[in-house]
């Protein structure tokens, strides 16, 4: 397994990570690895989402929402 050393970590970030690790009852190293894993998973998810074909609904989300709200207002009186 490889090792990774991070230098010049701002004190405020180090403190936040330390507190998070303590709250989760894990080591600081585990907290950092978890954070890196989450960020990489999010980046992968965003990349895959961007590759998906788009769907044209023929109406913008804002217009559709306004239409639904207007219908609801009419129904509620």
C-alpha atoms as a PDB file:
ATOM      1  CA  UNK A   1       0.000   0.000   0.000  1.00  0.00           C
ATOM      2  CA  UNK A   2       1.327   3.446  -0.896  1.00  0.00           C
ATOM      3  CA  UNK A   3       1.905   6.293   1.535  1.00  0.00           C
ATOM      4  CA  UNK A   4       0.898   9.887   0.962  1.00  0.00           C
ATOM      5  CA  UNK A   5       2.196  12.905   2.840  1.00  0.00           C
ATOM      6  CA  UNK A   6       0.410  16.234   2.644  1.00  0.00           C
ATOM      7  CA  UNK A   7       2.393  19.334   3.523  1.00  0.00           C
ATOM      8  CA  UNK A   8       1.316  22.903   4.229  1.00  0.00           C
ATOM      9  CA  UNK A   9      -2.153  21.992   5.495  1.00  0.00           C
ATOM     10  CA  UNK A  10      -3.767  25.157   6.878  1.00  0.00           C
ATOM     11  CA  UNK A  11      -4.257  25.000  10.634  1.00  0.00           C
ATOM     12  CA  UNK A  12      -7.992  25.605  10.315  1.00  0.00           C
ATOM     13  CA  UNK A  13      -8.412  22.680   7.904  1.00  0.00           C
ATOM     14  CA  UNK A  14      -6.288  20.416  10.088  1.00  0.00           C
ATOM     15  CA  UNK A  15      -8.441  21.295  13.086  1.00  0.00           C
ATOM     16  CA  UNK A  16     -11.661  20.617  11.182  1.00  0.00           C
ATOM     17  CA  UNK A  17     -10.347  17.255  10.027  1.00  0.00           C
ATOM     18  CA  UNK A  18      -9.149  16.391  13.528  1.00  0.00           C
ATOM     19  CA  UNK A  19     -12.547  17.248  15.023  1.00  0.00           C
ATOM     20  CA  UNK A  20     -14.360  15.283  12.341  1.00  0.00           C
ATOM     21  CA  UNK A  21     -12.162  12.245  12.954  1.00  0.00           C
ATOM     22  CA  UNK A  22     -12.767  12.494  16.674  1.00  0.00           C
ATOM     23  CA  UNK A  23     -16.547  12.774  16.198  1.00  0.00           C
ATOM     24  CA  UNK A  24     -16.519   9.736  13.902  1.00  0.00           C
ATOM     25  CA  UNK A  25     -14.203   7.840  16.247  1.00  0.00           C
ATOM     26  CA  UNK A  26     -11.681   7.243  13.458  1.00  0.00           C
ATOM     27  CA  UNK A  27      -8.075   8.213  12.912  1.00  0.00           C
ATOM     28  CA  UNK A  28      -7.136  11.453  11.211  1.00  0.00           C
ATOM     29  CA  UNK A  29      -5.691   9.413   8.339  1.00  0.00           C
ATOM     30  CA  UNK A  30      -8.959   7.520   7.923  1.00  0.00           C
ATOM     31  CA  UNK A  31     -10.896  10.796   7.912  1.00  0.00           C
ATOM     32  CA  UNK A  32      -8.657  12.191   5.167  1.00  0.00           C
ATOM     33  CA  UNK A  33      -8.936   9.006   3.095  1.00  0.00           C
ATOM     34  CA  UNK A  34     -12.730   9.026   3.478  1.00  0.00           C
ATOM     35  CA  UNK A  35     -12.871  12.660   2.330  1.00  0.00           C
ATOM     36  CA  UNK A  36     -10.667  11.952  -0.690  1.00  0.00           C
ATOM     37  CA  UNK A  37     -12.744   8.877  -1.601  1.00  0.00           C
ATOM     38  CA  UNK A  38     -15.994  10.874  -1.367  1.00  0.00           C
ATOM     39  CA  UNK A  39     -14.616  13.660  -3.541  1.00  0.00           C
ATOM     40  CA  UNK A  40     -13.350  11.230  -6.178  1.00  0.00           C
ATOM     41  CA  UNK A  41     -16.709   9.430  -6.208  1.00  0.00           C
ATOM     42  CA  UNK A  42     -18.517  12.760  -6.649  1.00  0.00           C
ATOM     43  CA  UNK A  43     -16.186  13.761  -9.476  1.00  0.00           C
ATOM     44  CA  UNK A  44     -16.820  10.418 -11.192  1.00  0.00           C
ATOM     45  CA  UNK A  45     -20.580  10.814 -10.729  1.00  0.00           C
ATOM     46  CA  UNK A  46     -20.456  14.350 -12.222  1.00  0.00           C
ATOM     47  CA  UNK A  47     -18.387  13.085 -15.161  1.00  0.00           C
ATOM     48  CA  UNK A  48     -20.828  10.235 -15.847  1.00  0.00           C
ATOM     49  CA  UNK A  49     -23.808  12.569 -15.522  1.00  0.00           C
ATOM     50  CA  UNK A  50     -22.272  15.005 -18.009  1.00  0.00           C
ATOM     51  CA  UNK A  51     -21.844  12.159 -20.517  1.00  0.00           C
ATOM     52  CA  UNK A  52     -25.519  11.185 -20.414  1.00  0.00           C
ATOM     53  CA  UNK A  53     -27.714  12.394 -23.244  1.00  0.00           C
ATOM     54  CA  UNK A  54     -30.018  15.251 -22.406  1.00  0.00           C
ATOM     55  CA  UNK A  55     -33.783  15.137 -22.741  1.00  0.00           C
ATOM     56  CA  UNK A  56     -35.744  18.033 -24.202  1.00  0.00           C
ATOM     57  CA  UNK A  57     -39.078  18.294 -22.406  1.00  0.00           C
ATOM     58  CA  UNK A  58     -40.212  21.103 -24.663  1.00  0.00           C
ATOM     59  CA  UNK A  59     -40.548  23.411 -21.664  1.00  0.00           C
ATOM     60  CA  UNK A  60     -38.038  24.820 -19.218  1.00  0.00           C
ATOM     61  CA  UNK A  61     -38.036  23.585 -15.641  1.00  0.00           C
ATOM     62  CA  UNK A  62     -38.863  27.109 -14.445  1.00  0.00           C
ATOM     63  CA  UNK A  63     -41.857  27.363 -16.784  1.00  0.00           C
ATOM     64  CA  UNK A  64     -43.059  23.896 -15.821  1.00  0.00           C
ATOM     65  CA  UNK A  65     -42.807  24.756 -12.136  1.00  0.00           C
ATOM     66  CA  UNK A  66     -44.716  28.004 -12.677  1.00  0.00           C
ATOM     67  CA  UNK A  67     -47.411  26.097 -14.544  1.00  0.00           C
ATOM     68  CA  UNK A  68     -47.794  23.512 -11.768  1.00  0.00           C
ATOM     69  CA  UNK A  69     -47.916  26.223  -9.112  1.00  0.00           C
ATOM     70  CA  UNK A  70     -50.588  28.108 -11.049  1.00  0.00           C
ATOM     71  CA  UNK A  71     -52.670  24.938 -11.360  1.00  0.00           C
ATOM     72  CA  UNK A  72     -52.311  24.274  -7.644  1.00  0.00           C
ATOM     73  CA  UNK A  73     -53.372  27.829  -6.802  1.00  0.00           C
ATOM     74  CA  UNK A  74     -56.427  27.432  -9.034  1.00  0.00           C
ATOM     75  CA  UNK A  75     -57.351  24.151  -7.343  1.00  0.00           C
ATOM     76  CA  UNK A  76     -56.887  25.570  -3.838  1.00  0.00           C
ATOM     77  CA  UNK A  77     -58.913  28.652  -4.638  1.00  0.00           C
END
